[in-house]
Amino acid sequence: MTISVSVNAGPLLDIGARIEAAARMGWPTNEISARLLAKVRLGFRNSTDPYGQKWAPIQPRWRNRRRVPGQPLLDTGRLRNSI
């Protein structure tokens, strides 16, 4: 069995660069980080990306194997809990 995953990390890298630039200018980076964390957690709760786009639906071949039916990326919760 082969599983392939593709990730567009561009937006995340852009956010990281903006936070670093804000820190250099003396902005309250703890507040910025807290807001980003809240946005990511909300995304997991609503199954959406940081821009509000719904995650792709679960493919039919995986539906019967899931512990949390109907919610992508929440099979074990390890990814969500790693943030």
PDB file of N, CA and C in Angstrom:
ATOM      1  N   MET A   1       0.838  -1.161   0.000  1.00  0.00           N
ATOM      2  CA  MET A   1       0.000   0.000   0.000  1.00  0.00           C
ATOM      3  C   MET A   1       0.894   1.238   0.000  1.00  0.00           C
ATOM      4  N   THR A   2       0.524   2.188  -0.801  1.00  0.00           N
ATOM      5  CA  THR A   2       1.258   3.451  -0.873  1.00  0.00           C
ATOM      6  C   THR A   2       0.320   4.587  -0.505  1.00  0.00           C
ATOM      7  N   ILE A   3       0.794   5.441   0.367  1.00  0.00           N
ATOM      8  CA  ILE A   3       0.029   6.620   0.749  1.00  0.00           C
ATOM      9  C   ILE A   3       0.864   7.840   0.399  1.00  0.00           C
ATOM     10  N   SER A   4       0.257   8.758  -0.292  1.00  0.00           N
ATOM     11  CA  SER A   4       0.983   9.989  -0.609  1.00  0.00           C
ATOM     12  C   SER A   4       0.233  11.177  -0.016  1.00  0.00           C
ATOM     13  N   VAL A   5       0.996  12.120   0.461  1.00  0.00           N
ATOM     14  CA  VAL A   5       0.436  13.324   1.072  1.00  0.00           C
ATOM     15  C   VAL A   5       1.105  14.520   0.426  1.00  0.00           C
ATOM     16  N   SER A   6       0.308  15.489   0.051  1.00  0.00           N
ATOM     17  CA  SER A   6       0.896  16.712  -0.473  1.00  0.00           C
ATOM     18  C   SER A   6       0.453  17.876   0.412  1.00  0.00           C
ATOM     19  N   VAL A   7       1.387  18.725   0.720  1.00  0.00           N
ATOM     20  CA  VAL A   7       1.129  19.850   1.617  1.00  0.00           C
ATOM     21  C   VAL A   7       1.640  21.125   0.968  1.00  0.00           C
ATOM     22  N   ASN A   8       0.821  22.143   0.986  1.00  0.00           N
ATOM     23  CA  ASN A   8       1.248  23.452   0.527  1.00  0.00           C
ATOM     24  C   ASN A   8       1.615  24.250   1.772  1.00  0.00           C
ATOM     25  N   ALA A   9       2.892  24.271   2.111  1.00  0.00           N
ATOM     26  CA  ALA A   9       3.350  24.937   3.326  1.00  0.00           C
ATOM     27  C   ALA A   9       3.605  26.426   3.110  1.00  0.00           C
ATOM     28  N   GLY A  10       3.422  26.906   1.908  1.00  0.00           N
ATOM     29  CA  GLY A  10       3.683  28.310   1.606  1.00  0.00           C
ATOM     30  C   GLY A  10       2.990  29.286   2.542  1.00  0.00           C
ATOM     31  N   PRO A  11       1.652  29.148   2.747  1.00  0.00           N
ATOM     32  CA  PRO A  11       0.979  30.079   3.652  1.00  0.00           C
ATOM     33  C   PRO A  11       1.514  30.018   5.082  1.00  0.00           C
ATOM     34  N   LEU A  12       1.873  28.835   5.558  1.00  0.00           N
ATOM     35  CA  LEU A  12       2.414  28.715   6.911  1.00  0.00           C
ATOM     36  C   LEU A  12       3.780  29.381   7.021  1.00  0.00           C
ATOM     37  N   LEU A  13       4.601  29.192   6.001  1.00  0.00           N
ATOM     38  CA  LEU A  13       5.914  29.830   6.014  1.00  0.00           C
ATOM     39  C   LEU A  13       5.771  31.342   5.984  1.00  0.00           C
ATOM     40  N   ASP A  14       4.794  31.822   5.231  1.00  0.00           N
ATOM     41  CA  ASP A  14       4.540  33.254   5.164  1.00  0.00           C
ATOM     42  C   ASP A  14       4.119  33.790   6.530  1.00  0.00           C
ATOM     43  N   ILE A  15       3.252  33.058   7.224  1.00  0.00           N
ATOM     44  CA  ILE A  15       2.816  33.476   8.563  1.00  0.00           C
ATOM     45  C   ILE A  15       4.006  33.504   9.511  1.00  0.00           C
ATOM     46  N   GLY A  16       4.865  32.480   9.449  1.00  0.00           N
ATOM     47  CA  GLY A  16       6.045  32.434  10.306  1.00  0.00           C
ATOM     48  C   GLY A  16       6.962  33.618  10.060  1.00  0.00           C
ATOM     49  N   ALA A  17       7.156  33.963   8.812  1.00  0.00           N
ATOM     50  CA  ALA A  17       8.009  35.105   8.473  1.00  0.00           C
ATOM     51  C   ALA A  17       7.407  36.404   9.000  1.00  0.00           C
ATOM     52  N   ARG A  18       6.095  36.529   8.927  1.00  0.00           N
ATOM     53  CA  ARG A  18       5.437  37.743   9.434  1.00  0.00           C
ATOM     54  C   ARG A  18       5.581  37.854  10.954  1.00  0.00           C
ATOM     55  N   ILE A  19       5.463  36.724  11.645  1.00  0.00           N
ATOM     56  CA  ILE A  19       5.620  36.755  13.103  1.00  0.00           C
ATOM     57  C   ILE A  19       7.044  37.144  13.479  1.00  0.00           C
ATOM     58  N   GLU A  20       8.022  36.589  12.777  1.00  0.00           N
ATOM     59  CA  GLU A  20       9.420  36.948  13.052  1.00  0.00           C
ATOM     60  C   GLU A  20       9.662  38.437  12.805  1.00  0.00           C
ATOM     61  N   ALA A  21       9.108  38.965  11.728  1.00  0.00           N
ATOM     62  CA  ALA A  21       9.264  40.390  11.435  1.00  0.00           C
ATOM     63  C   ALA A  21       8.593  41.239  12.515  1.00  0.00           C
ATOM     64  N   ALA A  22       7.432  40.801  12.977  1.00  0.00           N
ATOM     65  CA  ALA A  22       6.731  41.538  14.030  1.00  0.00           C
ATOM     66  C   ALA A  22       7.536  41.542  15.320  1.00  0.00           C
ATOM     67  N   ALA A  23       8.174  40.416  15.632  1.00  0.00           N
ATOM     68  CA  ALA A  23       8.987  40.334  16.852  1.00  0.00           C
ATOM     69  C   ALA A  23      10.167  41.296  16.770  1.00  0.00           C
ATOM     70  N   ARG A  24      10.784  41.394  15.595  1.00  0.00           N
ATOM     71  CA  ARG A  24      11.914  42.310  15.425  1.00  0.00           C
ATOM     72  C   ARG A  24      11.488  43.759  15.606  1.00  0.00           C
ATOM     73  N   MET A  25      10.223  44.071  15.292  1.00  0.00           N
ATOM     74  CA  MET A  25       9.721  45.439  15.434  1.00  0.00           C
ATOM     75  C   MET A  25       9.156  45.703  16.826  1.00  0.00           C
ATOM     76  N   GLY A  26       9.195  44.687  17.697  1.00  0.00           N
ATOM     77  CA  GLY A  26       8.720  44.877  19.063  1.00  0.00           C
ATOM     78  C   GLY A  26       7.231  44.654  19.250  1.00  0.00           C
ATOM     79  N   TRP A  27       6.571  44.014  18.300  1.00  0.00           N
ATOM     80  CA  TRP A  27       5.143  43.738  18.431  1.00  0.00           C
ATOM     81  C   TRP A  27       4.928  42.649  19.476  1.00  0.00           C
ATOM     82  N   PRO A  28       3.734  42.563  20.026  1.00  0.00           N
ATOM     83  CA  PRO A  28       3.428  41.545  21.046  1.00  0.00           C
ATOM     84  C   PRO A  28       3.231  40.156  20.415  1.00  0.00           C
ATOM     85  N   THR A  29       4.331  39.475  20.192  1.00  0.00           N
ATOM     86  CA  THR A  29       4.254  38.192  19.474  1.00  0.00           C
ATOM     87  C   THR A  29       3.510  37.126  20.266  1.00  0.00           C
ATOM     88  N   ASN A  30       3.483  37.208  21.593  1.00  0.00           N
ATOM     89  CA  ASN A  30       2.709  36.224  22.361  1.00  0.00           C
ATOM     90  C   ASN A  30       1.227  36.322  22.022  1.00  0.00           C
ATOM     91  N   GLU A  31       0.739  37.534  21.866  1.00  0.00           N
ATOM     92  CA  GLU A  31      -0.666  37.722  21.507  1.00  0.00           C
ATOM     93  C   GLU A  31      -0.929  37.198  20.092  1.00  0.00           C
ATOM     94  N   ILE A  32      -0.007  37.475  19.185  1.00  0.00           N
ATOM     95  CA  ILE A  32      -0.159  36.993  17.809  1.00  0.00           C
ATOM     96  C   ILE A  32      -0.166  35.465  17.801  1.00  0.00           C
ATOM     97  N   SER A  33       0.753  34.864  18.526  1.00  0.00           N
ATOM     98  CA  SER A  33       0.820  33.401  18.592  1.00  0.00           C
ATOM     99  C   SER A  33      -0.462  32.819  19.175  1.00  0.00           C
ATOM    100  N   ALA A  34      -0.981  33.439  20.213  1.00  0.00           N
ATOM    101  CA  ALA A  34      -2.213  32.952  20.837  1.00  0.00           C
ATOM    102  C   ALA A  34      -3.383  33.017  19.857  1.00  0.00           C
ATOM    103  N   ARG A  35      -3.441  34.077  19.072  1.00  0.00           N
ATOM    104  CA  ARG A  35      -4.524  34.201  18.088  1.00  0.00           C
ATOM    105  C   ARG A  35      -4.396  33.145  16.982  1.00  0.00           C
ATOM    106  N   LEU A  36      -3.167  32.907  16.540  1.00  0.00           N
ATOM    107  CA  LEU A  36      -2.962  31.878  15.519  1.00  0.00           C
ATOM    108  C   LEU A  36      -3.328  30.497  16.050  1.00  0.00           C
ATOM    109  N   LEU A  37      -2.932  30.201  17.279  1.00  0.00           N
ATOM    110  CA  LEU A  37      -3.268  28.924  17.882  1.00  0.00           C
ATOM    111  C   LEU A  37      -4.781  28.762  17.981  1.00  0.00           C
ATOM    112  N   ALA A  38      -5.476  29.802  18.380  1.00  0.00           N
ATOM    113  CA  ALA A  38      -6.940  29.745  18.459  1.00  0.00           C
ATOM    114  C   ALA A  38      -7.546  29.499  17.081  1.00  0.00           C
ATOM    115  N   LYS A  39      -6.964  30.115  16.058  1.00  0.00           N
ATOM    116  CA  LYS A  39      -7.471  29.938  14.689  1.00  0.00           C
ATOM    117  C   LYS A  39      -7.272  28.495  14.211  1.00  0.00           C
ATOM    118  N   VAL A  40      -6.119  27.907  14.527  1.00  0.00           N
ATOM    119  CA  VAL A  40      -5.846  26.518  14.142  1.00  0.00           C
ATOM    120  C   VAL A  40      -6.787  25.573  14.881  1.00  0.00           C
ATOM    121  N   ARG A  41      -6.977  25.798  16.179  1.00  0.00           N
ATOM    122  CA  ARG A  41      -7.876  24.936  16.957  1.00  0.00           C
ATOM    123  C   ARG A  41      -9.310  25.040  16.444  1.00  0.00           C
ATOM    124  N   LEU A  42      -9.740  26.241  16.092  1.00  0.00           N
ATOM    125  CA  LEU A  42     -11.068  26.424  15.523  1.00  0.00           C
ATOM    126  C   LEU A  42     -11.177  25.676  14.189  1.00  0.00           C
ATOM    127  N   GLY A  43     -10.087  25.700  13.425  1.00  0.00           N
ATOM    128  CA  GLY A  43     -10.076  24.968  12.150  1.00  0.00           C
ATOM    129  C   GLY A  43     -10.286  23.480  12.354  1.00  0.00           C
ATOM    130  N   PHE A  44      -9.647  22.898  13.364  1.00  0.00           N
ATOM    131  CA  PHE A  44      -9.863  21.481  13.646  1.00  0.00           C
ATOM    132  C   PHE A  44     -11.304  21.232  14.079  1.00  0.00           C
ATOM    133  N   ARG A  45     -11.845  22.127  14.889  1.00  0.00           N
ATOM    134  CA  ARG A  45     -13.211  21.954  15.367  1.00  0.00           C
ATOM    135  C   ARG A  45     -14.200  22.008  14.205  1.00  0.00           C
ATOM    136  N   ASN A  46     -13.962  22.917  13.240  1.00  0.00           N
ATOM    137  CA  ASN A  46     -14.886  23.109  12.120  1.00  0.00           C
ATOM    138  C   ASN A  46     -14.470  22.391  10.841  1.00  0.00           C
ATOM    139  N   SER A  47     -13.333  21.688  10.872  1.00  0.00           N
ATOM    140  CA  SER A  47     -12.788  21.009   9.687  1.00  0.00           C
ATOM    141  C   SER A  47     -12.546  21.994   8.541  1.00  0.00           C
ATOM    142  N   THR A  48     -11.895  23.120   8.868  1.00  0.00           N
ATOM    143  CA  THR A  48     -11.584  24.128   7.857  1.00  0.00           C
ATOM    144  C   THR A  48     -10.121  24.548   7.977  1.00  0.00           C
ATOM    145  N   ASP A  49      -9.585  25.094   6.892  1.00  0.00           N
ATOM    146  CA  ASP A  49      -8.218  25.616   6.943  1.00  0.00           C
ATOM    147  C   ASP A  49      -8.253  27.021   7.557  1.00  0.00           C
ATOM    148  N   PRO A  50      -7.090  27.630   7.776  1.00  0.00           N
ATOM    149  CA  PRO A  50      -7.073  28.960   8.412  1.00  0.00           C
ATOM    150  C   PRO A  50      -7.809  30.052   7.631  1.00  0.00           C
ATOM    151  N   TYR A  51      -8.129  29.780   6.368  1.00  0.00           N
ATOM    152  CA  TYR A  51      -8.817  30.751   5.540  1.00  0.00           C
ATOM    153  C   TYR A  51     -10.306  30.458   5.409  1.00  0.00           C
ATOM    154  N   GLY A  52     -10.789  29.447   6.165  1.00  0.00           N
ATOM    155  CA  GLY A  52     -12.207  29.121   6.170  1.00  0.00           C
ATOM    156  C   GLY A  52     -12.652  28.106   5.136  1.00  0.00           C
ATOM    157  N   GLN A  53     -11.719  27.603   4.335  1.00  0.00           N
ATOM    158  CA  GLN A  53     -12.073  26.607   3.321  1.00  0.00           C
ATOM    159  C   GLN A  53     -12.248  25.241   3.981  1.00  0.00           C
ATOM    160  N   LYS A  54     -13.337  24.533   3.640  1.00  0.00           N
ATOM    161  CA  LYS A  54     -13.579  23.199   4.183  1.00  0.00           C
ATOM    162  C   LYS A  54     -12.493  22.236   3.727  1.00  0.00           C
ATOM    163  N   TRP A  55     -12.114  21.312   4.626  1.00  0.00           N
ATOM    164  CA  TRP A  55     -11.169  20.268   4.244  1.00  0.00           C
ATOM    165  C   TRP A  55     -11.835  19.323   3.252  1.00  0.00           C
ATOM    166  N   ALA A  56     -11.018  18.666   2.462  1.00  0.00           N
ATOM    167  CA  ALA A  56     -11.542  17.687   1.511  1.00  0.00           C
ATOM    168  C   ALA A  56     -12.271  16.589   2.279  1.00  0.00           C
ATOM    169  N   PRO A  57     -13.363  16.073   1.710  1.00  0.00           N
ATOM    170  CA  PRO A  57     -14.100  15.013   2.414  1.00  0.00           C
ATOM    171  C   PRO A  57     -13.282  13.727   2.499  1.00  0.00           C
ATOM    172  N   ILE A  58     -13.663  12.896   3.427  1.00  0.00           N
ATOM    173  CA  ILE A  58     -13.001  11.602   3.603  1.00  0.00           C
ATOM    174  C   ILE A  58     -13.333  10.725   2.412  1.00  0.00           C
ATOM    175  N   GLN A  59     -12.321  10.094   1.849  1.00  0.00           N
ATOM    176  CA  GLN A  59     -12.530   9.211   0.712  1.00  0.00           C
ATOM    177  C   GLN A  59     -13.329   7.978   1.157  1.00  0.00           C
ATOM    178  N   PRO A  60     -14.231   7.468   0.310  1.00  0.00           N
ATOM    179  CA  PRO A  60     -15.083   6.344   0.697  1.00  0.00           C
ATOM    180  C   PRO A  60     -14.310   5.127   1.216  1.00  0.00           C
ATOM    181  N   ARG A  61     -13.133   4.850   0.682  1.00  0.00           N
ATOM    182  CA  ARG A  61     -12.404   3.649   1.099  1.00  0.00           C
ATOM    183  C   ARG A  61     -11.914   3.737   2.545  1.00  0.00           C
ATOM    184  N   TRP A  62     -11.860   4.950   3.124  1.00  0.00           N
ATOM    185  CA  TRP A  62     -11.372   5.117   4.495  1.00  0.00           C
ATOM    186  C   TRP A  62     -12.501   5.300   5.507  1.00  0.00           C
ATOM    187  N   ARG A  63     -13.706   5.550   5.060  1.00  0.00           N
ATOM    188  CA  ARG A  63     -14.807   5.872   5.978  1.00  0.00           C
ATOM    189  C   ARG A  63     -15.048   4.800   7.027  1.00  0.00           C
ATOM    190  N   ASN A  64     -14.992   3.532   6.636  1.00  0.00           N
ATOM    191  CA  ASN A  64     -15.306   2.454   7.573  1.00  0.00           C
ATOM    192  C   ASN A  64     -14.197   2.203   8.579  1.00  0.00           C
ATOM    193  N   ARG A  65     -13.012   2.718   8.361  1.00  0.00           N
ATOM    194  CA  ARG A  65     -11.869   2.490   9.249  1.00  0.00           C
ATOM    195  C   ARG A  65     -11.692   3.598  10.275  1.00  0.00           C
ATOM    196  N   ARG A  66     -12.483   4.615  10.216  1.00  0.00           N
ATOM    197  CA  ARG A  66     -12.251   5.806  11.033  1.00  0.00           C
ATOM    198  C   ARG A  66     -12.823   5.664  12.435  1.00  0.00           C
ATOM    199  N   ARG A  67     -12.106   6.223  13.389  1.00  0.00           N
ATOM    200  CA  ARG A  67     -12.582   6.266  14.774  1.00  0.00           C
ATOM    201  C   ARG A  67     -13.540   7.436  14.982  1.00  0.00           C
ATOM    202  N   VAL A  68     -13.325   8.520  14.244  1.00  0.00           N
ATOM    203  CA  VAL A  68     -14.208   9.687  14.323  1.00  0.00           C
ATOM    204  C   VAL A  68     -14.848   9.851  12.950  1.00  0.00           C
ATOM    205  N   PRO A  69     -16.010   9.255  12.745  1.00  0.00           N
ATOM    206  CA  PRO A  69     -16.610   9.298  11.409  1.00  0.00           C
ATOM    207  C   PRO A  69     -16.961  10.709  10.972  1.00  0.00           C
ATOM    208  N   GLY A  70     -16.648  11.005   9.728  1.00  0.00           N
ATOM    209  CA  GLY A  70     -17.055  12.267   9.139  1.00  0.00           C
ATOM    210  C   GLY A  70     -16.129  13.444   9.350  1.00  0.00           C
ATOM    211  N   GLN A  71     -15.072  13.318  10.149  1.00  0.00           N
ATOM    212  CA  GLN A  71     -14.178  14.449  10.376  1.00  0.00           C
ATOM    213  C   GLN A  71     -12.762  14.110   9.925  1.00  0.00           C
ATOM    214  N   PRO A  72     -12.307  14.728   8.821  1.00  0.00           N
ATOM    215  CA  PRO A  72     -10.943  14.490   8.353  1.00  0.00           C
ATOM    216  C   PRO A  72      -9.918  14.960   9.388  1.00  0.00           C
ATOM    217  N   LEU A  73      -8.767  14.339   9.400  1.00  0.00           N
ATOM    218  CA  LEU A  73      -7.610  14.687  10.232  1.00  0.00           C
ATOM    219  C   LEU A  73      -7.836  14.487  11.731  1.00  0.00           C
ATOM    220  N   LEU A  74      -8.885  13.772  12.119  1.00  0.00           N
ATOM    221  CA  LEU A  74      -9.145  13.547  13.537  1.00  0.00           C
ATOM    222  C   LEU A  74      -9.219  12.058  13.879  1.00  0.00           C
ATOM    223  N   ASP A  75      -8.537  11.231  13.134  1.00  0.00           N
ATOM    224  CA  ASP A  75      -8.593   9.795  13.362  1.00  0.00           C
ATOM    225  C   ASP A  75      -8.129   9.448  14.767  1.00  0.00           C
ATOM    226  N   THR A  76      -6.974   9.948  15.169  1.00  0.00           N
ATOM    227  CA  THR A  76      -6.459   9.677  16.512  1.00  0.00           C
ATOM    228  C   THR A  76      -6.381  10.932  17.363  1.00  0.00           C
ATOM    229  N   GLY A  77      -6.392  12.106  16.750  1.00  0.00           N
ATOM    230  CA  GLY A  77      -6.248  13.356  17.487  1.00  0.00           C
ATOM    231  C   GLY A  77      -4.798  13.759  17.695  1.00  0.00           C
ATOM    232  N   ARG A  78      -3.851  12.923  17.250  1.00  0.00           N
ATOM    233  CA  ARG A  78      -2.423  13.218  17.477  1.00  0.00           C
ATOM    234  C   ARG A  78      -2.003  14.496  16.761  1.00  0.00           C
ATOM    235  N   LEU A  79      -2.458  14.694  15.541  1.00  0.00           N
ATOM    236  CA  LEU A  79      -2.073  15.904  14.803  1.00  0.00           C
ATOM    237  C   LEU A  79      -2.618  17.148  15.514  1.00  0.00           C
ATOM    238  N   ARG A  80      -3.904  17.121  15.839  1.00  0.00           N
ATOM    239  CA  ARG A  80      -4.518  18.267  16.534  1.00  0.00           C
ATOM    240  C   ARG A  80      -3.811  18.535  17.862  1.00  0.00           C
ATOM    241  N   ASN A  81      -3.506  17.503  18.615  1.00  0.00           N
ATOM    242  CA  ASN A  81      -2.908  17.676  19.929  1.00  0.00           C
ATOM    243  C   ASN A  81      -1.422  18.052  19.866  1.00  0.00           C
ATOM    244  N   SER A  82      -0.818  17.944  18.689  1.00  0.00           N
ATOM    245  CA  SER A  82       0.601  18.288  18.567  1.00  0.00           C
ATOM    246  C   SER A  82       0.810  19.798  18.419  1.00  0.00           C
ATOM    247  N   ILE A  83      -0.257  20.529  18.248  1.00  0.00           N
ATOM    248  CA  ILE A  83      -0.161  21.964  18.011  1.00  0.00           C
ATOM    249  C   ILE A  83      -0.338  22.722  19.310  1.00  0.00           C
TER     250      ILE A  83
END
